[in-house]
Amino acid sequence: MASRVKVNVLFFASLKEDLGVSEIELDVSMLAGRSDLLDALTNELGTECVAPLLAENISIAINRNIEKGDFSLEAGDEIAFLPPITGG
């Protein structure tokens, strides 16, 4: 059985409003990737809540580095979901 690790997941701006939460701690498999993270979030928050995170224009940062492809998670990682930035 794979080792489990705890990661902190942050939601910013409109995503925080959509999900009704600014951060959660998740228990995931060590070296889990993008799809594992989304599965864990779906189990924790429900399919409807996670839907906004699947939008093409949402960025994921791991430890403050934007990840374009897949990634592996380790204990203590900070994952941030970032909506597009608009300015005026």
PDB file of N, CA and C in Angstrom:
ATOM      1  N   MET A   1       0.836  -1.184   0.000  1.00  0.00           N
ATOM      2  CA  MET A   1       0.000   0.000   0.000  1.00  0.00           C
ATOM      3  C   MET A   1       0.883   1.250   0.000  1.00  0.00           C
ATOM      4  N   ALA A   2       0.473   2.243  -0.785  1.00  0.00           N
ATOM      5  CA  ALA A   2       1.265   3.466  -0.901  1.00  0.00           C
ATOM      6  C   ALA A   2       1.193   4.281   0.383  1.00  0.00           C
ATOM      7  N   SER A   3       2.284   4.948   0.691  1.00  0.00           N
ATOM      8  CA  SER A   3       2.314   5.834   1.853  1.00  0.00           C
ATOM      9  C   SER A   3       1.370   7.002   1.629  1.00  0.00           C
ATOM     10  N   ARG A   4       0.783   7.499   2.709  1.00  0.00           N
ATOM     11  CA  ARG A   4      -0.121   8.638   2.647  1.00  0.00           C
ATOM     12  C   ARG A   4       0.604   9.867   3.182  1.00  0.00           C
ATOM     13  N   VAL A   5       0.314  10.998   2.585  1.00  0.00           N
ATOM     14  CA  VAL A   5       0.900  12.264   3.032  1.00  0.00           C
ATOM     15  C   VAL A   5      -0.194  13.321   3.118  1.00  0.00           C
ATOM     16  N   LYS A   6       0.050  14.321   3.930  1.00  0.00           N
ATOM     17  CA  LYS A   6      -0.883  15.441   4.049  1.00  0.00           C
ATOM     18  C   LYS A   6      -0.344  16.618   3.242  1.00  0.00           C
ATOM     19  N   VAL A   7      -1.242  17.233   2.472  1.00  0.00           N
ATOM     20  CA  VAL A   7      -0.908  18.429   1.700  1.00  0.00           C
ATOM     21  C   VAL A   7      -1.949  19.500   2.005  1.00  0.00           C
ATOM     22  N   ASN A   8      -1.564  20.749   1.867  1.00  0.00           N
ATOM     23  CA  ASN A   8      -2.462  21.865   2.093  1.00  0.00           C
ATOM     24  C   ASN A   8      -2.888  22.426   0.740  1.00  0.00           C
ATOM     25  N   VAL A   9      -4.197  22.575   0.535  1.00  0.00           N
ATOM     26  CA  VAL A   9      -4.732  23.059  -0.735  1.00  0.00           C
ATOM     27  C   VAL A   9      -5.397  24.408  -0.496  1.00  0.00           C
ATOM     28  N   LEU A  10      -4.972  25.414  -1.270  1.00  0.00           N
ATOM     29  CA  LEU A  10      -5.488  26.778  -1.153  1.00  0.00           C
ATOM     30  C   LEU A  10      -6.311  27.133  -2.391  1.00  0.00           C
ATOM     31  N   PHE A  11      -7.367  27.909  -2.175  1.00  0.00           N
ATOM     32  CA  PHE A  11      -8.221  28.380  -3.268  1.00  0.00           C
ATOM     33  C   PHE A  11      -8.278  29.908  -3.186  1.00  0.00           C
ATOM     34  N   PHE A  12      -8.072  30.574  -4.307  1.00  0.00           N
ATOM     35  CA  PHE A  12      -8.002  32.028  -4.325  1.00  0.00           C
ATOM     36  C   PHE A  12      -9.130  32.655  -5.130  1.00  0.00           C
ATOM     37  N   ALA A  13      -9.438  33.905  -4.773  1.00  0.00           N
ATOM     38  CA  ALA A  13     -10.374  34.785  -5.475  1.00  0.00           C
ATOM     39  C   ALA A  13     -11.727  34.105  -5.708  1.00  0.00           C
ATOM     40  N   SER A  14     -12.184  34.070  -6.948  1.00  0.00           N
ATOM     41  CA  SER A  14     -13.508  33.531  -7.255  1.00  0.00           C
ATOM     42  C   SER A  14     -13.619  32.049  -6.899  1.00  0.00           C
ATOM     43  N   LEU A  15     -12.516  31.315  -6.939  1.00  0.00           N
ATOM     44  CA  LEU A  15     -12.566  29.895  -6.591  1.00  0.00           C
ATOM     45  C   LEU A  15     -12.903  29.716  -5.111  1.00  0.00           C
ATOM     46  N   LYS A  16     -12.362  30.581  -4.279  1.00  0.00           N
ATOM     47  CA  LYS A  16     -12.663  30.549  -2.847  1.00  0.00           C
ATOM     48  C   LYS A  16     -14.156  30.781  -2.636  1.00  0.00           C
ATOM     49  N   GLU A  17     -14.718  31.716  -3.385  1.00  0.00           N
ATOM     50  CA  GLU A  17     -16.148  32.003  -3.284  1.00  0.00           C
ATOM     51  C   GLU A  17     -16.978  30.833  -3.822  1.00  0.00           C
ATOM     52  N   ASP A  18     -16.580  30.264  -4.957  1.00  0.00           N
ATOM     53  CA  ASP A  18     -17.312  29.150  -5.566  1.00  0.00           C
ATOM     54  C   ASP A  18     -17.346  27.926  -4.652  1.00  0.00           C
ATOM     55  N   LEU A  19     -16.219  27.635  -3.999  1.00  0.00           N
ATOM     56  CA  LEU A  19     -16.127  26.445  -3.164  1.00  0.00           C
ATOM     57  C   LEU A  19     -16.583  26.683  -1.735  1.00  0.00           C
ATOM     58  N   GLY A  20     -16.624  27.941  -1.318  1.00  0.00           N
ATOM     59  CA  GLY A  20     -17.039  28.257   0.039  1.00  0.00           C
ATOM     60  C   GLY A  20     -15.988  27.928   1.081  1.00  0.00           C
ATOM     61  N   VAL A  21     -14.740  27.791   0.640  1.00  0.00           N
ATOM     62  CA  VAL A  21     -13.640  27.470   1.545  1.00  0.00           C
ATOM     63  C   VAL A  21     -12.356  28.047   0.947  1.00  0.00           C
ATOM     64  N   SER A  22     -11.459  28.520   1.815  1.00  0.00           N
ATOM     65  CA  SER A  22     -10.211  29.098   1.301  1.00  0.00           C
ATOM     66  C   SER A  22      -9.062  28.095   1.303  1.00  0.00           C
ATOM     67  N   GLU A  23      -9.143  27.089   2.184  1.00  0.00           N
ATOM     68  CA  GLU A  23      -8.101  26.060   2.200  1.00  0.00           C
ATOM     69  C   GLU A  23      -8.600  24.808   2.902  1.00  0.00           C
ATOM     70  N   ILE A  24      -8.000  23.688   2.513  1.00  0.00           N
ATOM     71  CA  ILE A  24      -8.282  22.415   3.176  1.00  0.00           C
ATOM     72  C   ILE A  24      -6.992  21.604   3.230  1.00  0.00           C
ATOM     73  N   GLU A  25      -6.946  20.696   4.160  1.00  0.00           N
ATOM     74  CA  GLU A  25      -5.833  19.757   4.242  1.00  0.00           C
ATOM     75  C   GLU A  25      -6.343  18.433   3.689  1.00  0.00           C
ATOM     76  N   LEU A  26      -5.572  17.842   2.777  1.00  0.00           N
ATOM     77  CA  LEU A  26      -5.948  16.575   2.166  1.00  0.00           C
ATOM     78  C   LEU A  26      -4.934  15.498   2.511  1.00  0.00           C
ATOM     79  N   ASP A  27      -5.428  14.292   2.628  1.00  0.00           N
ATOM     80  CA  ASP A  27      -4.597  13.104   2.822  1.00  0.00           C
ATOM     81  C   ASP A  27      -4.576  12.385   1.476  1.00  0.00           C
ATOM     82  N   VAL A  28      -3.413  12.347   0.823  1.00  0.00           N
ATOM     83  CA  VAL A  28      -3.289  11.735  -0.502  1.00  0.00           C
ATOM     84  C   VAL A  28      -2.142  10.735  -0.506  1.00  0.00           C
ATOM     85  N   SER A  29      -2.120   9.904  -1.543  1.00  0.00           N
ATOM     86  CA  SER A  29      -0.999   8.980  -1.704  1.00  0.00           C
ATOM     87  C   SER A  29       0.265   9.767  -2.005  1.00  0.00           C
ATOM     88  N   MET A  30       1.381   9.325  -1.418  1.00  0.00           N
ATOM     89  CA  MET A  30       2.656   9.956  -1.720  1.00  0.00           C
ATOM     90  C   MET A  30       2.925   9.814  -3.203  1.00  0.00           C
ATOM     91  N   LEU A  31       3.413  10.869  -3.809  1.00  0.00           N
ATOM     92  CA  LEU A  31       3.698  10.953  -5.237  1.00  0.00           C
ATOM     93  C   LEU A  31       2.436  10.956  -6.081  1.00  0.00           C
ATOM     94  N   ALA A  32       1.293  11.300  -5.471  1.00  0.00           N
ATOM     95  CA  ALA A  32       0.052  11.443  -6.232  1.00  0.00           C
ATOM     96  C   ALA A  32       0.245  12.522  -7.287  1.00  0.00           C
ATOM     97  N   GLY A  33      -0.478  12.418  -8.375  1.00  0.00           N
ATOM     98  CA  GLY A  33      -0.387  13.393  -9.454  1.00  0.00           C
ATOM     99  C   GLY A  33      -1.647  14.225  -9.574  1.00  0.00           C
ATOM    100  N   ARG A  34      -1.760  14.940 -10.683  1.00  0.00           N
ATOM    101  CA  ARG A  34      -2.884  15.850 -10.929  1.00  0.00           C
ATOM    102  C   ARG A  34      -4.233  15.140 -10.807  1.00  0.00           C
ATOM    103  N   SER A  35      -4.405  14.007 -11.479  1.00  0.00           N
ATOM    104  CA  SER A  35      -5.703  13.321 -11.439  1.00  0.00           C
ATOM    105  C   SER A  35      -6.006  12.783 -10.040  1.00  0.00           C
ATOM    106  N   ASP A  36      -4.975  12.325  -9.314  1.00  0.00           N
ATOM    107  CA  ASP A  36      -5.177  11.850  -7.937  1.00  0.00           C
ATOM    108  C   ASP A  36      -5.625  12.997  -7.034  1.00  0.00           C
ATOM    109  N   LEU A  37      -5.029  14.165  -7.224  1.00  0.00           N
ATOM    110  CA  LEU A  37      -5.393  15.333  -6.441  1.00  0.00           C
ATOM    111  C   LEU A  37      -6.850  15.714  -6.696  1.00  0.00           C
ATOM    112  N   LEU A  38      -7.242  15.747  -7.964  1.00  0.00           N
ATOM    113  CA  LEU A  38      -8.617  16.102  -8.298  1.00  0.00           C
ATOM    114  C   LEU A  38      -9.602  15.061  -7.776  1.00  0.00           C
ATOM    115  N   ASP A  39      -9.218  13.786  -7.809  1.00  0.00           N
ATOM    116  CA  ASP A  39     -10.075  12.729  -7.241  1.00  0.00           C
ATOM    117  C   ASP A  39     -10.249  12.934  -5.737  1.00  0.00           C
ATOM    118  N   ALA A  40      -9.165  13.243  -5.038  1.00  0.00           N
ATOM    119  CA  ALA A  40      -9.226  13.462  -3.592  1.00  0.00           C
ATOM    120  C   ALA A  40     -10.090  14.680  -3.261  1.00  0.00           C
ATOM    121  N   LEU A  41      -9.964  15.734  -4.071  1.00  0.00           N
ATOM    122  CA  LEU A  41     -10.789  16.925  -3.861  1.00  0.00           C
ATOM    123  C   LEU A  41     -12.263  16.622  -4.116  1.00  0.00           C
ATOM    124  N   THR A  42     -12.548  15.817  -5.132  1.00  0.00           N
ATOM    125  CA  THR A  42     -13.927  15.424  -5.426  1.00  0.00           C
ATOM    126  C   THR A  42     -14.509  14.632  -4.267  1.00  0.00           C
ATOM    127  N   ASN A  43     -13.728  13.714  -3.707  1.00  0.00           N
ATOM    128  CA  ASN A  43     -14.195  12.930  -2.557  1.00  0.00           C
ATOM    129  C   ASN A  43     -14.462  13.821  -1.353  1.00  0.00           C
ATOM    130  N   GLU A  44     -13.645  14.841  -1.175  1.00  0.00           N
ATOM    131  CA  GLU A  44     -13.757  15.728  -0.011  1.00  0.00           C
ATOM    132  C   GLU A  44     -14.869  16.769  -0.177  1.00  0.00           C
ATOM    133  N   LEU A  45     -14.969  17.365  -1.372  1.00  0.00           N
ATOM    134  CA  LEU A  45     -15.857  18.505  -1.572  1.00  0.00           C
ATOM    135  C   LEU A  45     -17.094  18.208  -2.422  1.00  0.00           C
ATOM    136  N   GLY A  46     -17.039  17.143  -3.212  1.00  0.00           N
ATOM    137  CA  GLY A  46     -18.155  16.812  -4.101  1.00  0.00           C
ATOM    138  C   GLY A  46     -17.886  17.273  -5.530  1.00  0.00           C
ATOM    139  N   THR A  47     -18.524  16.601  -6.464  1.00  0.00           N
ATOM    140  CA  THR A  47     -18.315  16.860  -7.888  1.00  0.00           C
ATOM    141  C   THR A  47     -18.663  18.286  -8.285  1.00  0.00           C
ATOM    142  N   GLU A  48     -19.790  18.800  -7.805  1.00  0.00           N
ATOM    143  CA  GLU A  48     -20.211  20.147  -8.187  1.00  0.00           C
ATOM    144  C   GLU A  48     -19.231  21.211  -7.710  1.00  0.00           C
ATOM    145  N   CYS A  49     -18.698  21.049  -6.523  1.00  0.00           N
ATOM    146  CA  CYS A  49     -17.737  22.029  -5.990  1.00  0.00           C
ATOM    147  C   CYS A  49     -16.434  22.018  -6.769  1.00  0.00           C
ATOM    148  N   VAL A  50     -16.014  20.855  -7.214  1.00  0.00           N
ATOM    149  CA  VAL A  50     -14.721  20.732  -7.886  1.00  0.00           C
ATOM    150  C   VAL A  50     -14.792  21.170  -9.349  1.00  0.00           C
ATOM    151  N   ALA A  51     -15.984  21.210  -9.924  1.00  0.00           N
ATOM    152  CA  ALA A  51     -16.140  21.564 -11.339  1.00  0.00           C
ATOM    153  C   ALA A  51     -15.409  22.852 -11.730  1.00  0.00           C
ATOM    154  N   PRO A  52     -15.481  23.940 -10.949  1.00  0.00           N
ATOM    155  CA  PRO A  52     -14.757  25.159 -11.344  1.00  0.00           C
ATOM    156  C   PRO A  52     -13.239  24.962 -11.426  1.00  0.00           C
ATOM    157  N   LEU A  53     -12.693  24.009 -10.690  1.00  0.00           N
ATOM    158  CA  LEU A  53     -11.246  23.770 -10.701  1.00  0.00           C
ATOM    159  C   LEU A  53     -10.783  23.115 -11.994  1.00  0.00           C
ATOM    160  N   LEU A  54     -11.712  22.544 -12.752  1.00  0.00           N
ATOM    161  CA  LEU A  54     -11.376  21.829 -13.973  1.00  0.00           C
ATOM    162  C   LEU A  54     -11.325  22.727 -15.197  1.00  0.00           C
ATOM    163  N   ALA A  55     -11.710  23.977 -15.045  1.00  0.00           N
ATOM    164  CA  ALA A  55     -11.698  24.909 -16.180  1.00  0.00           C
ATOM    165  C   ALA A  55     -10.295  25.040 -16.746  1.00  0.00           C
ATOM    166  N   GLU A  56     -10.239  25.203 -18.054  1.00  0.00           N
ATOM    167  CA  GLU A  56      -8.953  25.268 -18.770  1.00  0.00           C
ATOM    168  C   GLU A  56      -8.077  26.434 -18.317  1.00  0.00           C
ATOM    169  N   ASN A  57      -8.701  27.524 -17.864  1.00  0.00           N
ATOM    170  CA  ASN A  57      -7.931  28.717 -17.506  1.00  0.00           C
ATOM    171  C   ASN A  57      -7.516  28.758 -16.035  1.00  0.00           C
ATOM    172  N   ILE A  58      -7.725  27.672 -15.292  1.00  0.00           N
ATOM    173  CA  ILE A  58      -7.314  27.600 -13.889  1.00  0.00           C
ATOM    174  C   ILE A  58      -5.887  27.066 -13.813  1.00  0.00           C
ATOM    175  N   SER A  59      -5.034  27.765 -13.085  1.00  0.00           N
ATOM    176  CA  SER A  59      -3.645  27.329 -12.904  1.00  0.00           C
ATOM    177  C   SER A  59      -3.497  26.630 -11.557  1.00  0.00           C
ATOM    178  N   ILE A  60      -2.564  25.686 -11.519  1.00  0.00           N
ATOM    179  CA  ILE A  60      -2.234  25.007 -10.271  1.00  0.00           C
ATOM    180  C   ILE A  60      -0.770  25.306  -9.961  1.00  0.00           C
ATOM    181  N   ALA A  61      -0.533  25.774  -8.741  1.00  0.00           N
ATOM    182  CA  ALA A  61       0.837  26.018  -8.292  1.00  0.00           C
ATOM    183  C   ALA A  61       1.154  25.038  -7.158  1.00  0.00           C
ATOM    184  N   ILE A  62       2.318  24.436  -7.245  1.00  0.00           N
ATOM    185  CA  ILE A  62       2.810  23.561  -6.183  1.00  0.00           C
ATOM    186  C   ILE A  62       3.996  24.282  -5.553  1.00  0.00           C
ATOM    187  N   ASN A  63       3.873  24.574  -4.275  1.00  0.00           N
ATOM    188  CA  ASN A  63       4.930  25.305  -3.569  1.00  0.00           C
ATOM    189  C   ASN A  63       5.336  26.575  -4.311  1.00  0.00           C
ATOM    190  N   ARG A  64       4.318  27.296  -4.782  1.00  0.00           N
ATOM    191  CA  ARG A  64       4.447  28.593  -5.459  1.00  0.00           C
ATOM    192  C   ARG A  64       5.056  28.535  -6.855  1.00  0.00           C
ATOM    193  N   ASN A  65       5.114  27.351  -7.457  1.00  0.00           N
ATOM    194  CA  ASN A  65       5.585  27.197  -8.832  1.00  0.00           C
ATOM    195  C   ASN A  65       4.424  26.694  -9.683  1.00  0.00           C
ATOM    196  N   ILE A  66       4.079  27.454 -10.731  1.00  0.00           N
ATOM    197  CA  ILE A  66       2.987  27.057 -11.617  1.00  0.00           C
ATOM    198  C   ILE A  66       3.378  25.771 -12.346  1.00  0.00           C
ATOM    199  N   GLU A  67       2.468  24.790 -12.316  1.00  0.00           N
ATOM    200  CA  GLU A  67       2.704  23.499 -12.966  1.00  0.00           C
ATOM    201  C   GLU A  67       1.839  23.409 -14.217  1.00  0.00           C
ATOM    202  N   LYS A  68       2.457  23.194 -15.354  1.00  0.00           N
ATOM    203  CA  LYS A  68       1.719  23.095 -16.615  1.00  0.00           C
ATOM    204  C   LYS A  68       1.316  21.646 -16.906  1.00  0.00           C
ATOM    205  N   GLY A  69       2.142  20.692 -16.544  1.00  0.00           N
ATOM    206  CA  GLY A  69       1.849  19.286 -16.819  1.00  0.00           C
ATOM    207  C   GLY A  69       1.489  18.551 -15.547  1.00  0.00           C
ATOM    208  N   ASP A  70       1.799  17.264 -15.517  1.00  0.00           N
ATOM    209  CA  ASP A  70       1.523  16.473 -14.329  1.00  0.00           C
ATOM    210  C   ASP A  70       2.597  16.766 -13.281  1.00  0.00           C
ATOM    211  N   PHE A  71       2.367  16.331 -12.070  1.00  0.00           N
ATOM    212  CA  PHE A  71       3.299  16.576 -10.976  1.00  0.00           C
ATOM    213  C   PHE A  71       3.173  15.455  -9.969  1.00  0.00           C
ATOM    214  N   SER A  72       4.096  15.417  -9.021  1.00  0.00           N
ATOM    215  CA  SER A  72       4.053  14.456  -7.919  1.00  0.00           C
ATOM    216  C   SER A  72       4.024  15.227  -6.621  1.00  0.00           C
ATOM    217  N   LEU A  73       3.163  14.788  -5.710  1.00  0.00           N
ATOM    218  CA  LEU A  73       3.029  15.468  -4.427  1.00  0.00           C
ATOM    219  C   LEU A  73       3.835  14.771  -3.352  1.00  0.00           C
ATOM    220  N   GLU A  74       4.346  15.570  -2.436  1.00  0.00           N
ATOM    221  CA  GLU A  74       5.085  15.051  -1.289  1.00  0.00           C
ATOM    222  C   GLU A  74       4.518  15.673  -0.023  1.00  0.00           C
ATOM    223  N   ALA A  75       4.836  15.090   1.111  1.00  0.00           N
ATOM    224  CA  ALA A  75       4.330  15.569   2.399  1.00  0.00           C
ATOM    225  C   ALA A  75       4.615  17.056   2.565  1.00  0.00           C
ATOM    226  N   GLY A  76       3.597  17.782   3.007  1.00  0.00           N
ATOM    227  CA  GLY A  76       3.761  19.194   3.296  1.00  0.00           C
ATOM    228  C   GLY A  76       3.648  20.119   2.103  1.00  0.00           C
ATOM    229  N   ASP A  77       3.438  19.578   0.906  1.00  0.00           N
ATOM    230  CA  ASP A  77       3.311  20.444  -0.262  1.00  0.00           C
ATOM    231  C   ASP A  77       2.128  21.391  -0.101  1.00  0.00           C
ATOM    232  N   GLU A  78       2.289  22.583  -0.656  1.00  0.00           N
ATOM    233  CA  GLU A  78       1.204  23.572  -0.703  1.00  0.00           C
ATOM    234  C   GLU A  78       0.737  23.662  -2.145  1.00  0.00           C
ATOM    235  N   ILE A  79      -0.535  23.354  -2.359  1.00  0.00           N
ATOM    236  CA  ILE A  79      -1.129  23.386  -3.684  1.00  0.00           C
ATOM    237  C   ILE A  79      -2.086  24.571  -3.726  1.00  0.00           C
ATOM    238  N   ALA A  80      -1.952  25.409  -4.735  1.00  0.00           N
ATOM    239  CA  ALA A  80      -2.840  26.567  -4.877  1.00  0.00           C
ATOM    240  C   ALA A  80      -3.542  26.507  -6.220  1.00  0.00           C
ATOM    241  N   PHE A  81      -4.854  26.693  -6.194  1.00  0.00           N
ATOM    242  CA  PHE A  81      -5.646  26.806  -7.415  1.00  0.00           C
ATOM    243  C   PHE A  81      -5.876  28.290  -7.658  1.00  0.00           C
ATOM    244  N   LEU A  82      -5.472  28.741  -8.859  1.00  0.00           N
ATOM    245  CA  LEU A  82      -5.477  30.177  -9.173  1.00  0.00           C
ATOM    246  C   LEU A  82      -6.355  30.463 -10.388  1.00  0.00           C
ATOM    247  N   PRO A  83      -7.359  31.317 -10.238  1.00  0.00           N
ATOM    248  CA  PRO A  83      -8.148  31.722 -11.409  1.00  0.00           C
ATOM    249  C   PRO A  83      -7.324  32.701 -12.245  1.00  0.00           C
ATOM    250  N   PRO A  84      -7.787  32.986 -13.461  1.00  0.00           N
ATOM    251  CA  PRO A  84      -7.061  33.961 -14.284  1.00  0.00           C
ATOM    252  C   PRO A  84      -7.041  35.322 -13.581  1.00  0.00           C
ATOM    253  N   ILE A  85      -5.959  36.030 -13.762  1.00  0.00           N
ATOM    254  CA  ILE A  85      -5.813  37.346 -13.144  1.00  0.00           C
ATOM    255  C   ILE A  85      -6.293  38.399 -14.135  1.00  0.00           C
ATOM    256  N   THR A  86      -7.180  39.244 -13.659  1.00  0.00           N
ATOM    257  CA  THR A  86      -7.659  40.348 -14.502  1.00  0.00           C
ATOM    258  C   THR A  86      -7.296  41.645 -13.811  1.00  0.00           C
ATOM    259  N   GLY A  87      -7.150  42.644 -14.581  1.00  0.00           N
ATOM    260  CA  GLY A  87      -6.777  43.930 -14.005  1.00  0.00           C
ATOM    261  C   GLY A  87      -7.598  45.048 -14.622  1.00  0.00           C
ATOM    262  N   GLY A  88      -7.445  46.184 -14.072  1.00  0.00           N
ATOM    263  CA  GLY A  88      -8.204  47.305 -14.606  1.00  0.00           C
ATOM    264  C   GLY A  88      -7.550  48.602 -14.250  1.00  0.00           C
TER     265      GLY A  88
END
